[in-house]
Amino acid sequence: MSFDPVPSTKIFALVDCNNFFASCERVADPSLKDKPVVVLSHVGGIAIARSNEAKALGVKMAQPFFQWQHVAKRHGIKVLTANFPLYAELSHCVMETLQQFSPDQEVYSIDESFLGLETIAGIKDLVGYGHKIREAVLKDVGLPVSVGIARTKTLAKLANRTAKTAAALKGVCSLMGPKDVESALQITPVGEIWGIGRRTAEELLKKGITTAGDLKHMDDRWIKKNMSVVTLRTVFELRGISCLALDDVPSVQASISVTRTFGHEVRDLAGIKEAVSGYAARAAEKMRADGQVAGCVNVFVTTGPFKPNYYGNSASSRIDPRTSYTPALTRLAVKLLGQVYQPGLAYKRAGVTLYDLALEKEVPMELFEDEGKRAKSSKLMAVVDQLNEKFTDDVVFFAGERQGKSKIMVTHT
């Protein structure tokens, strides 16, 4: 596989909420401002979000509570259990605010969104535009965000990371200039590059490639011979050659979102049900590929953001026990859609997010859960995924996903 080595003319802004879950808890309870806050997962009691104050006290990400409970007691850390419906609602509010800054938006995860800025006329100061985004989200939702701006998605992720860590930048970093890009790459460890996994990083370190700058200047022939196409694509992105368009990104571990803007306005509930069912199925498929199960589902719908009488809404629900079973997830998604759908409106966008994710092998059986039924569901999903991977184009799908299609439809109860 080869890529056209033409420098990108695109402009991506990655907007990422700071310490998202902990920041959401502060919106719900303003008395937590400036206090150390840690949010724990429902499974295992591990830290899944920390305020800056908690980070300074030494609490590590994914660290079990029992290992630092003495620190919590000594310093008065506020320890909370994750409230995913709250986070989903505030995420929807953030994404809704971001729509006003670009017609080209991709919700990457529950707390991140890419915006395409190259088609927006009149932006002379990208850093200033980034600060306007920050100010709007803080004013509308109460959440702090960081903004990274660059010619490719990978560089935008790097810019966002720099915006979070360099206090002098005040939350906005632009890596549009070649010198700025090169400086950032030289101080970024190769293992922290978006798209470079742990095993790939270990192989690169053995080769003496320690920074993103080293990787950028590697010979293409060596990369093609020793690495994957994904790594080669990442290298091109580091060089300013855009290989990832909007809606073209790897799956996310913390949450998985599938959102789309409709090609035309959709008014009837049946049409949106079909879309939402398909999104839930696609998200479930991505999740199973990572060996995960979800404990919460969120569904949102919006009309056109620039039309009068704009409407947007979302609904969330826990799902116990956690599951990756497509029929259960699509049923719940359709039920949630019924809570936010209003007849007579022209809908332009909808999406499904699965979150509160955990590795299936690490989730204990519920007391009254049917082990045989769980195993049967897992086997069915494995067969469906294998067939769709082999024949592509989702040759097998569940009733409700695509009504009227002539492929293999699986009904369920």
Protein backbone atom coordinates (compact mmCIF):
# COMPACT_ATOMS: atom_id res chain seq x y z
CA MET A 1 0.00 0.00 0.00
CA SER A 2 1.23 3.50 -0.80
CA PHE A 3 0.18 6.99 0.13
CA ASP A 4 0.27 10.14 -1.92
CA PRO A 5 3.08 12.18 -0.28
CA VAL A 6 1.35 15.53 -0.66
CA PRO A 7 1.32 17.87 2.37
CA SER A 8 -2.15 18.30 3.80
CA THR A 9 -4.22 21.43 3.29
CA LYS A 10 -6.67 20.28 5.95
CA ILE A 11 -6.94 21.83 9.40
CA PHE A 12 -8.05 19.62 12.27
CA ALA A 13 -8.89 20.84 15.75
CA LEU A 14 -9.07 18.20 18.47
CA VAL A 15 -11.13 19.38 21.44
CA ASP A 16 -10.62 17.23 24.54
CA CYS A 17 -12.24 17.75 27.94
CA ASN A 18 -9.75 17.97 30.80
CA ASN A 19 -10.06 15.24 33.45
CA PHE A 20 -13.54 14.71 32.05
CA PHE A 21 -15.28 12.53 34.65
CA ALA A 22 -13.79 14.48 37.56
CA SER A 23 -14.70 17.78 35.89
CA CYS A 24 -18.28 16.58 35.39
CA GLU A 25 -18.52 15.82 39.10
CA ARG A 26 -17.48 19.41 39.79
CA VAL A 27 -20.23 20.70 37.52
CA ALA A 28 -22.75 18.63 39.52
CA ASP A 29 -21.21 19.70 42.85
CA PRO A 30 -19.43 23.09 42.67
CA SER A 31 -18.11 22.62 46.23
CA LEU A 32 -15.55 20.18 44.74
CA LYS A 33 -13.76 23.01 42.89
CA ASP A 34 -10.02 23.11 43.62
CA LYS A 35 -10.29 19.96 45.77
CA PRO A 36 -8.68 16.61 44.92
CA VAL A 37 -11.25 14.38 43.21
CA VAL A 38 -10.93 10.78 42.04
CA VAL A 39 -13.61 8.82 40.18
CA LEU A 40 -13.66 5.03 40.58
CA SER A 41 -14.92 2.40 38.16
CA HIS A 42 -17.86 0.18 39.06
CA VAL A 43 -15.69 -2.90 38.52
CA GLY A 44 -12.56 -3.31 40.63
CA GLY A 45 -12.70 0.11 42.27
CA ILE A 46 -9.88 1.53 40.17
CA ALA A 47 -9.18 5.19 39.42
CA ILE A 48 -10.56 6.14 36.01
CA ALA A 49 -10.36 9.93 36.40
CA ARG A 50 -8.35 12.28 38.60
CA SER A 51 -8.39 16.01 39.09
CA ASN A 52 -5.04 17.77 38.78
CA GLU A 53 -4.94 18.08 42.56
CA ALA A 54 -5.31 14.30 42.94
CA LYS A 55 -2.63 13.69 40.32
CA ALA A 56 -0.26 15.93 42.30
CA LEU A 57 -0.86 13.75 45.37
CA GLY A 58 0.39 10.72 43.45
CA VAL A 59 -2.82 8.88 42.58
CA LYS A 60 -2.16 6.92 39.39
CA MET A 61 -4.55 6.12 36.56
CA ALA A 62 -6.06 2.61 36.89
CA GLN A 63 -4.65 2.28 40.42
CA PRO A 64 -6.94 0.28 42.76
CA PHE A 65 -8.40 2.28 45.63
CA PHE A 66 -6.94 0.07 48.36
CA GLN A 67 -3.42 1.04 47.24
CA TRP A 68 -3.95 4.74 47.89
CA GLN A 69 -6.80 4.87 50.41
CA HIS A 70 -4.35 6.07 53.07
CA VAL A 71 -3.47 9.00 50.80
CA ALA A 72 -7.16 9.77 50.33
CA LYS A 73 -7.74 9.81 54.07
CA ARG A 74 -4.69 11.94 54.82
CA HIS A 75 -5.37 14.58 52.18
CA GLY A 76 -9.16 14.53 52.10
CA ILE A 77 -9.50 13.28 48.55
CA LYS A 78 -13.13 13.14 47.45
CA VAL A 79 -13.65 9.60 46.13
CA LEU A 80 -16.70 9.08 43.92
CA THR A 81 -18.17 6.17 41.99
CA ALA A 82 -18.63 6.84 38.28
CA ASN A 83 -21.95 8.41 37.28
CA PHE A 84 -22.05 7.59 33.57
CA PRO A 85 -25.50 9.00 32.79
CA LEU A 86 -24.28 12.38 34.09
CA TYR A 87 -21.14 12.17 31.96
CA ALA A 88 -23.13 11.25 28.86
CA GLU A 89 -25.49 14.19 29.33
CA LEU A 90 -22.63 16.68 29.76
CA SER A 91 -20.80 15.11 26.81
CA HIS A 92 -23.86 15.75 24.65
CA CYS A 93 -23.91 19.37 25.82
CA VAL A 94 -20.23 19.79 24.91
CA MET A 95 -20.69 18.30 21.44
CA GLU A 96 -23.73 20.48 20.90
CA THR A 97 -21.71 23.60 21.74
CA LEU A 98 -18.91 22.53 19.40
CA GLN A 99 -21.31 22.29 16.45
CA GLN A 100 -21.42 26.08 16.22
CA PHE A 101 -17.69 26.18 15.45
CA SER A 102 -17.66 23.86 12.45
CA PRO A 103 -20.15 22.03 10.22
CA ASP A 104 -17.57 19.21 10.02
CA GLN A 105 -17.55 17.45 13.37
CA GLU A 106 -16.60 13.95 14.42
CA VAL A 107 -17.35 12.79 17.95
CA TYR A 108 -14.32 10.62 18.63
CA SER A 109 -15.19 9.59 22.19
CA ILE A 110 -17.31 10.69 25.12
CA ASP A 111 -14.90 13.56 25.84
CA GLU A 112 -13.17 14.23 22.50
CA SER A 113 -14.26 15.67 19.18
CA PHE A 114 -12.48 16.52 15.94
CA LEU A 115 -13.52 19.64 14.06
CA GLY A 116 -12.63 20.40 10.45
CA LEU A 117 -11.67 24.06 10.17
CA GLU A 118 -10.28 24.44 6.64
CA THR A 119 -13.70 25.13 5.10
CA ILE A 120 -14.58 27.94 7.51
CA ALA A 121 -14.03 31.34 5.98
CA GLY A 122 -12.62 34.25 7.93
CA ILE A 123 -10.42 32.43 10.46
CA LYS A 124 -7.20 34.44 10.51
CA ASP A 125 -6.06 33.48 14.01
CA LEU A 126 -6.36 29.75 14.69
CA VAL A 127 -5.09 30.04 18.25
CA GLY A 128 -7.64 32.77 18.93
CA TYR A 129 -10.35 30.54 17.45
CA GLY A 130 -9.22 27.76 19.79
CA HIS A 131 -9.61 30.08 22.76
CA LYS A 132 -13.12 30.99 21.59
CA ILE A 133 -13.96 27.28 21.60
CA ARG A 134 -12.60 26.89 25.14
CA GLU A 135 -14.51 29.91 26.40
CA ALA A 136 -17.79 28.75 24.82
CA VAL A 137 -17.62 25.25 26.34
CA LEU A 138 -16.71 26.64 29.75
CA LYS A 139 -19.55 29.18 29.59
CA ASP A 140 -22.20 26.81 28.22
CA VAL A 141 -21.33 23.60 30.07
CA GLY A 142 -18.86 24.53 32.79
CA LEU A 143 -16.17 22.11 31.60
CA PRO A 144 -12.52 22.98 30.85
CA VAL A 145 -11.18 21.75 27.51
CA SER A 146 -7.89 21.76 25.64
CA VAL A 147 -7.61 22.40 21.91
CA GLY A 148 -4.93 21.06 19.57
CA ILE A 149 -4.76 22.33 15.98
CA ALA A 150 -2.73 20.82 13.12
CA ARG A 151 -2.74 19.60 9.53
CA THR A 152 -3.39 15.94 10.41
CA LYS A 153 -5.31 14.11 13.10
CA THR A 154 -2.18 12.55 14.58
CA LEU A 155 -0.51 15.95 14.86
CA ALA A 156 -3.73 17.43 16.29
CA LYS A 157 -3.63 14.76 19.02
CA LEU A 158 -0.02 15.72 19.72
CA ALA A 159 -0.94 19.41 19.77
CA ASN A 160 -3.73 18.67 22.24
CA ARG A 161 -1.33 16.79 24.50
CA THR A 162 1.01 19.78 24.40
CA ALA A 163 -1.87 22.15 25.18
CA LYS A 164 -2.61 20.13 28.33
CA THR A 165 0.96 19.96 29.59
CA ALA A 166 2.35 23.40 28.73
CA ALA A 167 0.71 25.86 31.12
CA ALA A 168 2.01 28.86 29.17
CA LEU A 169 -0.20 27.90 26.20
CA LYS A 170 -3.36 28.34 28.29
CA GLY A 171 -5.08 25.30 26.82
CA VAL A 172 -4.57 25.88 23.08
CA CYS A 173 -1.68 24.64 20.92
CA SER A 174 -1.29 25.09 17.17
CA LEU A 175 1.24 22.94 15.30
CA MET A 176 0.72 24.46 11.89
CA GLY A 177 4.32 25.56 11.30
CA PRO A 178 7.05 23.02 10.33
CA LYS A 179 9.43 24.27 13.05
CA ASP A 180 6.77 23.96 15.74
CA VAL A 181 5.93 20.43 14.56
CA GLU A 182 9.56 19.36 14.54
CA SER A 183 10.18 20.73 18.05
CA ALA A 184 7.13 18.91 19.42
CA LEU A 185 8.07 15.64 17.74
CA GLN A 186 11.59 15.67 19.16
CA ILE A 187 10.34 15.75 22.76
CA THR A 188 7.49 13.24 22.35
CA PRO A 189 8.32 9.64 23.37
CA VAL A 190 7.54 7.21 20.57
CA GLY A 191 5.23 5.22 22.84
CA GLU A 192 2.96 8.24 23.33
CA ILE A 193 2.20 8.73 19.63
CA TRP A 194 -1.45 8.22 18.77
CA GLY A 195 -1.73 4.98 16.79
CA ILE A 196 1.48 3.42 18.11
CA GLY A 197 0.66 0.48 20.36
CA ARG A 198 2.79 -0.92 23.16
CA ARG A 199 4.28 -3.79 21.13
CA THR A 200 5.09 -1.54 18.19
CA ALA A 201 6.71 0.95 20.56
CA GLU A 202 8.87 -1.81 22.04
CA GLU A 203 10.06 -2.86 18.57
CA LEU A 204 10.85 0.75 17.64
CA LEU A 205 12.80 1.28 20.86
CA LYS A 206 14.91 -1.79 20.07
CA LYS A 207 15.76 -0.10 16.78
CA GLY A 208 16.82 3.05 18.64
CA ILE A 209 13.74 5.02 17.66
CA THR A 210 12.90 6.82 20.90
CA THR A 211 10.93 9.91 19.82
CA ALA A 212 8.23 10.88 17.36
CA GLY A 213 10.90 12.87 15.54
CA ASP A 214 13.02 9.74 15.08
CA LEU A 215 10.01 7.89 13.67
CA LYS A 216 9.12 10.69 11.28
CA HIS A 217 12.56 10.49 9.65
CA MET A 218 12.72 6.70 9.36
CA ASP A 219 13.19 5.17 5.93
CA ASP A 220 9.89 4.12 4.35
CA ARG A 221 11.33 0.87 3.06
CA TRP A 222 12.30 -0.27 6.56
CA ILE A 223 8.86 0.62 7.91
CA LYS A 224 7.09 -1.28 5.10
CA LYS A 225 9.28 -4.32 5.69
CA ASN A 226 9.21 -4.41 9.48
CA MET A 227 6.05 -2.59 10.56
CA SER A 228 2.36 -2.52 9.67
CA VAL A 229 0.45 -0.31 7.25
CA VAL A 230 -0.97 1.44 10.32
CA THR A 231 2.54 2.45 11.40
CA LEU A 232 3.35 3.71 7.91
CA ARG A 233 0.17 5.74 7.91
CA THR A 234 1.13 7.21 11.27
CA VAL A 235 4.55 8.20 9.91
CA PHE A 236 2.93 10.00 6.98
CA GLU A 237 0.62 11.80 9.40
CA LEU A 238 3.65 12.93 11.43
CA ARG A 239 5.09 14.35 8.21
CA GLY A 240 1.98 16.46 7.69
CA ILE A 241 0.36 14.18 5.10
CA SER A 242 -3.25 13.54 6.10
CA CYS A 243 -4.22 9.86 5.89
CA LEU A 244 -7.15 9.93 8.34
CA ALA A 245 -10.29 11.73 7.28
CA LEU A 246 -13.15 12.58 9.61
CA ASP A 247 -14.96 9.41 10.75
CA ASP A 248 -11.78 7.41 10.02
CA VAL A 249 -10.11 6.63 13.33
CA PRO A 250 -9.14 3.65 15.47
CA SER A 251 -11.57 2.42 18.09
CA VAL A 252 -11.40 3.89 21.54
CA GLN A 253 -10.86 1.91 24.75
CA ALA A 254 -12.60 4.19 27.26
CA SER A 255 -15.75 4.56 25.17
CA ILE A 256 -16.90 3.74 21.66
CA SER A 257 -19.00 6.14 19.62
CA VAL A 258 -20.66 5.70 16.24
CA THR A 259 -22.24 8.93 15.00
CA ARG A 260 -23.23 10.09 11.55
CA THR A 261 -24.68 13.11 9.83
CA PHE A 262 -27.55 12.00 7.58
CA GLY A 263 -27.23 12.67 3.86
CA HIS A 264 -30.70 14.22 3.99
CA GLU A 265 -33.04 15.29 6.75
CA VAL A 266 -34.98 12.42 8.35
CA ARG A 267 -38.41 13.04 9.88
CA ASP A 268 -39.94 9.61 10.45
CA LEU A 269 -39.18 7.61 13.57
CA ALA A 270 -38.75 4.37 11.61
CA GLY A 271 -35.86 5.80 9.61
CA ILE A 272 -34.04 7.05 12.70
CA LYS A 273 -34.69 3.73 14.50
CA GLU A 274 -33.02 1.91 11.63
CA ALA A 275 -30.02 4.25 11.78
CA VAL A 276 -29.64 4.06 15.56
CA SER A 277 -29.96 0.26 15.51
CA GLY A 278 -27.18 0.10 12.95
CA TYR A 279 -24.97 2.44 14.96
CA ALA A 280 -25.46 0.37 18.11
CA ALA A 281 -24.58 -2.80 16.18
CA ARG A 282 -21.46 -1.22 14.70
CA ALA A 283 -20.33 0.04 18.12
CA ALA A 284 -20.92 -3.40 19.63
CA GLU A 285 -18.84 -5.00 16.88
CA LYS A 286 -15.95 -2.61 17.54
CA MET A 287 -16.21 -3.31 21.26
CA ARG A 288 -16.14 -7.09 20.81
CA ALA A 289 -13.02 -6.75 18.69
CA ASP A 290 -11.34 -5.34 21.80
CA GLY A 291 -12.76 -8.05 24.05
CA GLN A 292 -14.88 -5.57 25.98
CA VAL A 293 -18.42 -5.28 27.33
CA ALA A 294 -20.43 -2.13 28.05
CA GLY A 295 -22.25 -1.06 31.17
CA CYS A 296 -23.96 2.03 29.82
CA VAL A 297 -25.52 3.22 26.55
CA ASN A 298 -26.18 6.76 25.34
CA VAL A 299 -28.24 7.85 22.33
CA PHE A 300 -28.49 11.37 20.93
CA VAL A 301 -30.33 13.07 18.07
CA THR A 302 -30.10 16.60 16.70
CA THR A 303 -31.68 18.65 13.97
CA GLY A 304 -29.50 20.81 11.72
CA PRO A 305 -27.40 23.06 13.98
CA PHE A 306 -27.80 26.11 11.76
CA LYS A 307 -31.56 25.77 11.26
CA PRO A 308 -34.15 27.77 13.26
CA ASN A 309 -35.81 25.97 16.19
CA TYR A 310 -32.75 23.78 16.70
CA TYR A 311 -33.36 20.67 18.82
CA GLY A 312 -30.89 18.27 20.31
CA ASN A 313 -31.29 15.77 23.12
CA SER A 314 -29.76 12.61 24.54
CA ALA A 315 -30.67 9.82 26.94
CA SER A 316 -28.58 7.26 28.80
CA SER A 317 -29.16 4.04 30.69
CA ARG A 318 -27.11 1.49 32.52
CA ILE A 319 -27.23 -2.11 31.36
CA ASP A 320 -26.76 -4.86 33.93
CA PRO A 321 -25.02 -7.15 33.57
CA ARG A 322 -22.50 -5.62 31.17
CA THR A 323 -22.79 -7.03 27.68
CA SER A 324 -21.55 -6.90 24.11
CA TYR A 325 -24.62 -8.74 22.79
CA THR A 326 -25.90 -6.75 19.83
CA PRO A 327 -29.65 -7.49 20.28
CA ALA A 328 -29.59 -6.29 23.90
CA LEU A 329 -27.71 -3.13 22.99
CA THR A 330 -29.88 -2.28 19.97
CA ARG A 331 -33.07 -2.82 21.98
CA LEU A 332 -31.86 -0.44 24.65
CA ALA A 333 -30.70 2.09 22.06
CA VAL A 334 -34.12 2.11 20.39
CA LYS A 335 -35.81 2.48 23.78
CA LEU A 336 -33.60 5.49 24.57
CA LEU A 337 -34.34 6.96 21.14
CA GLY A 338 -38.03 6.90 22.06
CA GLN A 339 -37.25 9.17 25.02
CA VAL A 340 -35.60 11.90 22.91
CA TYR A 341 -37.43 11.70 19.57
CA GLN A 342 -39.97 14.44 18.92
CA PRO A 343 -42.31 14.04 15.92
CA GLY A 344 -42.45 16.65 13.21
CA LEU A 345 -38.78 17.65 13.39
CA ALA A 346 -36.20 17.25 10.62
CA TYR A 347 -33.30 15.32 12.13
CA LYS A 348 -29.83 15.65 10.68
CA ARG A 349 -27.59 13.68 13.05
CA ALA A 350 -27.76 10.79 15.50
CA GLY A 351 -25.31 8.66 17.41
CA VAL A 352 -24.75 5.88 19.92
CA THR A 353 -22.02 5.74 22.57
CA LEU A 354 -21.11 2.67 24.60
CA TYR A 355 -19.14 3.39 27.75
CA ASP A 356 -18.35 2.15 31.23
CA LEU A 357 -16.35 -0.46 29.31
CA ALA A 358 -14.49 -3.36 30.88
CA LEU A 359 -12.65 -6.42 29.59
CA GLU A 360 -15.16 -9.26 29.37
CA LYS A 361 -12.74 -11.76 30.88
CA GLU A 362 -12.37 -9.56 33.97
CA VAL A 363 -16.10 -9.04 34.61
CA PRO A 364 -17.47 -11.49 37.21
CA MET A 365 -20.73 -13.32 36.66
CA GLU A 366 -23.79 -11.73 38.26
CA LEU A 367 -25.43 -13.73 41.07
CA PHE A 368 -28.54 -14.66 39.05
CA GLU A 369 -27.01 -14.48 35.58
CA ASP A 370 -27.62 -17.46 33.30
CA GLU A 371 -24.12 -18.71 32.44
CA GLY A 372 -25.43 -20.92 29.62
CA LYS A 373 -27.32 -18.04 28.02
CA ARG A 374 -24.26 -15.82 28.26
CA ALA A 375 -22.08 -18.43 26.56
CA LYS A 376 -24.69 -18.96 23.82
CA SER A 377 -24.88 -15.21 23.14
CA SER A 378 -21.07 -14.96 22.94
CA LYS A 379 -20.92 -17.84 20.44
CA LEU A 380 -23.62 -16.26 18.26
CA MET A 381 -21.80 -12.93 18.21
CA ALA A 382 -18.52 -14.65 17.36
CA VAL A 383 -20.13 -16.36 14.35
CA VAL A 384 -21.75 -13.11 13.16
CA ASP A 385 -18.46 -11.21 13.46
CA GLN A 386 -16.53 -13.94 11.65
CA LEU A 387 -18.98 -13.98 8.75
CA ASN A 388 -19.00 -10.19 8.41
CA GLU A 389 -15.21 -10.07 8.54
CA LYS A 390 -14.91 -12.77 5.90
CA PHE A 391 -17.50 -11.45 3.46
CA THR A 392 -17.37 -7.73 4.47
CA ASP A 393 -20.22 -5.24 4.01
CA ASP A 394 -22.05 -6.66 7.06
CA VAL A 395 -23.56 -9.63 5.25
CA VAL A 396 -25.22 -10.73 8.52
CA PHE A 397 -27.25 -8.24 10.54
CA PHE A 398 -30.09 -8.18 13.05
CA ALA A 399 -33.69 -7.30 12.39
CA GLY A 400 -34.24 -3.57 12.67
CA GLU A 401 -30.78 -2.54 11.47
CA ARG A 402 -31.56 -2.36 7.77
CA GLN A 403 -35.14 -3.04 6.91
CA GLY A 404 -35.75 -4.19 3.38
CA LYS A 405 -32.17 -5.35 2.74
CA SER A 406 -31.73 -8.73 1.08
CA LYS A 407 -28.85 -10.15 3.09
CA ILE A 408 -28.92 -12.59 6.01
CA MET A 409 -31.15 -11.15 8.71
CA VAL A 410 -31.09 -12.59 12.23
CA THR A 411 -34.22 -12.18 14.33
CA HIS A 412 -34.03 -12.16 18.09
CA THR A 413 -36.25 -12.01 21.16
